[in-house]
Amino acid sequence: MHELRFAIRYEYDSRQEGITVPVISRTPDGTVELPAKLDTGATNCLFERSYADILGIEVEKGRRRTFQTANGHFTAFGHEMELGVLDCKHLAEVFFFEDRHIQKNVLGRVGCIQNFQLALVDHDALLYLSKYDD
């Protein structure tokens, strides 16, 4: 038997596709709240370009990266910013899609999941979360 303790217990909406959590993104120029899917299979955090616009981020000034998927590839640009995931804040490099038509926000391992301890009880639609160092 193993015992785990977490700072946050979050009940997500199991009627939605995937596990959606609220994220607060901050830069020196702005703050925005957005819904994002927790994706343990994704390497990086990827956000819709419209959120970069709201935050005042010039997307193409970030680190350009081409991502390969099973269906093809896409380009995104990385920017350092503060993320708040269920009240746990940390600095991360997140990527904004170059293509304005991509409507998806993903929390991946690098930049998000690796900063936390988490447990998932999907049967009960519960996510437990703590900062890794807590």
Protein backbone atom coordinates (compact mmCIF):
# COMPACT_ATOMS: atom_id res chain seq x y z
CA MET A 1 0.00 0.00 0.00
CA HIS A 2 1.27 3.47 -0.93
CA GLU A 3 -0.07 6.76 0.33
CA LEU A 4 -0.02 9.99 -1.65
CA ARG A 5 -1.01 13.50 -0.57
CA PHE A 6 -2.04 16.33 -2.86
CA ALA A 7 -2.72 20.03 -2.35
CA ILE A 8 -5.55 20.22 -4.89
CA ARG A 9 -8.55 18.02 -5.66
CA TYR A 10 -10.26 19.00 -8.91
CA GLU A 11 -13.45 17.52 -10.31
CA TYR A 12 -13.41 17.84 -14.09
CA ASP A 13 -16.35 17.55 -16.47
CA SER A 14 -16.36 13.95 -17.71
CA ARG A 15 -18.92 14.85 -20.40
CA GLN A 16 -16.22 16.80 -22.26
CA GLU A 17 -13.70 15.08 -24.48
CA GLY A 18 -10.42 14.72 -22.58
CA ILE A 19 -9.52 16.16 -19.21
CA THR A 20 -10.00 19.93 -19.30
CA VAL A 21 -8.49 22.16 -16.63
CA PRO A 22 -8.45 25.96 -16.26
CA VAL A 23 -5.11 27.63 -16.96
CA ILE A 24 -4.10 31.22 -16.26
CA SER A 25 -1.32 32.49 -18.51
CA ARG A 26 0.67 35.57 -17.58
CA THR A 27 3.22 37.73 -19.33
CA PRO A 28 4.43 41.19 -18.33
CA ASP A 29 1.84 42.55 -20.79
CA GLY A 30 -1.27 40.59 -19.84
CA THR A 31 -3.22 37.76 -18.25
CA VAL A 32 -5.73 35.36 -19.78
CA GLU A 33 -7.67 32.35 -18.53
CA LEU A 34 -8.11 29.48 -20.96
CA PRO A 35 -9.33 25.88 -20.89
CA ALA A 36 -6.65 23.31 -21.75
CA LYS A 37 -6.55 19.54 -22.12
CA LEU A 38 -4.17 17.63 -19.86
CA ASP A 39 -2.30 15.35 -22.29
CA THR A 40 0.29 12.94 -20.89
CA GLY A 41 1.11 11.89 -24.46
CA ALA A 42 2.03 15.41 -25.56
CA THR A 43 5.60 16.55 -25.10
CA ASN A 44 4.97 20.31 -25.02
CA CYS A 45 2.29 22.82 -24.11
CA LEU A 46 0.51 24.20 -27.19
CA PHE A 47 -2.01 27.03 -27.21
CA GLU A 48 -4.24 28.74 -29.74
CA ARG A 49 -2.73 31.78 -31.36
CA SER A 50 -5.67 33.95 -30.29
CA TYR A 51 -4.47 33.72 -26.68
CA ALA A 52 -1.05 35.08 -27.69
CA ASP A 53 -2.84 38.02 -29.28
CA ILE A 54 -4.76 38.70 -26.05
CA LEU A 55 -1.51 38.52 -24.06
CA GLY A 56 0.28 40.91 -26.42
CA ILE A 57 2.78 38.28 -27.56
CA GLU A 58 4.33 38.65 -31.00
CA VAL A 59 4.14 34.96 -31.90
CA GLU A 60 6.79 34.86 -34.65
CA LYS A 61 9.41 36.40 -32.32
CA GLY A 62 9.44 33.15 -30.32
CA ARG A 63 11.49 30.01 -30.85
CA ARG A 64 10.26 28.44 -34.10
CA ARG A 65 9.62 24.71 -33.99
CA THR A 66 8.04 22.24 -36.40
CA PHE A 67 6.04 19.47 -34.74
CA GLN A 68 5.44 16.11 -36.45
CA THR A 69 2.20 14.21 -35.91
CA ALA A 70 0.68 11.06 -37.35
CA ASN A 71 -1.34 13.28 -39.72
CA GLY A 72 1.41 15.65 -40.83
CA HIS A 73 3.19 18.60 -39.30
CA PHE A 74 2.60 22.12 -38.01
CA THR A 75 4.67 25.09 -36.86
CA ALA A 76 4.49 26.79 -33.48
CA PHE A 77 6.56 29.39 -31.64
CA GLY A 78 7.83 29.04 -28.07
CA HIS A 79 7.60 31.78 -25.44
CA GLU A 80 8.55 31.81 -21.76
CA MET A 81 5.63 32.69 -19.51
CA GLU A 82 4.01 32.01 -16.17
CA LEU A 83 1.32 29.34 -16.12
CA GLY A 84 -1.17 28.82 -13.34
CA VAL A 85 -2.71 25.36 -13.44
CA LEU A 86 -5.36 24.93 -10.76
CA ASP A 87 -3.60 27.57 -8.60
CA CYS A 88 -0.14 25.97 -9.03
CA LYS A 89 2.10 28.55 -10.71
CA HIS A 90 5.35 27.96 -12.58
CA LEU A 91 7.43 29.35 -15.44
CA ALA A 92 7.33 27.41 -18.69
CA GLU A 93 8.09 27.60 -22.36
CA VAL A 94 4.78 27.25 -24.15
CA PHE A 95 4.16 27.18 -27.87
CA PHE A 96 1.55 29.09 -29.83
CA PHE A 97 0.31 27.67 -33.12
CA GLU A 98 1.34 29.61 -36.22
CA ASP A 99 -1.97 28.64 -37.87
CA ARG A 100 -4.87 30.71 -36.51
CA HIS A 101 -7.32 27.96 -37.50
CA ILE A 102 -6.01 25.41 -34.99
CA GLN A 103 -8.40 25.53 -32.04
CA LYS A 104 -6.69 23.48 -29.35
CA ASN A 105 -4.96 24.07 -26.01
CA VAL A 106 -2.80 21.25 -24.66
CA LEU A 107 -0.80 20.88 -21.44
CA GLY A 108 2.07 18.50 -22.19
CA ARG A 109 4.87 16.96 -20.15
CA VAL A 110 7.61 19.56 -20.80
CA GLY A 111 6.48 22.90 -19.44
CA CYS A 112 3.66 21.54 -17.33
CA ILE A 113 3.14 17.94 -16.22
CA GLN A 114 6.78 17.41 -15.19
CA ASN A 115 6.34 20.25 -12.68
CA PHE A 116 3.63 18.39 -10.77
CA GLN A 117 2.72 15.28 -8.93
CA LEU A 118 -0.66 14.18 -10.13
CA ALA A 119 -3.13 11.37 -9.73
CA LEU A 120 -6.16 10.64 -11.81
CA VAL A 121 -9.28 8.76 -10.81
CA ASP A 122 -11.10 8.91 -14.14
CA HIS A 123 -14.00 6.75 -12.93
CA ASP A 124 -14.89 9.56 -10.51
CA ALA A 125 -13.68 12.41 -12.82
CA LEU A 126 -11.14 13.52 -10.20
CA LEU A 127 -7.69 14.98 -10.68
CA TYR A 128 -5.34 15.41 -7.72
CA LEU A 129 -2.42 17.84 -8.10
CA SER A 130 0.52 19.26 -6.19
CA LYS A 131 3.66 21.11 -7.22
CA TYR A 132 6.50 18.61 -7.57
CA ASP A 133 8.55 20.15 -4.75
CA ASP A 134 5.65 20.29 -2.25
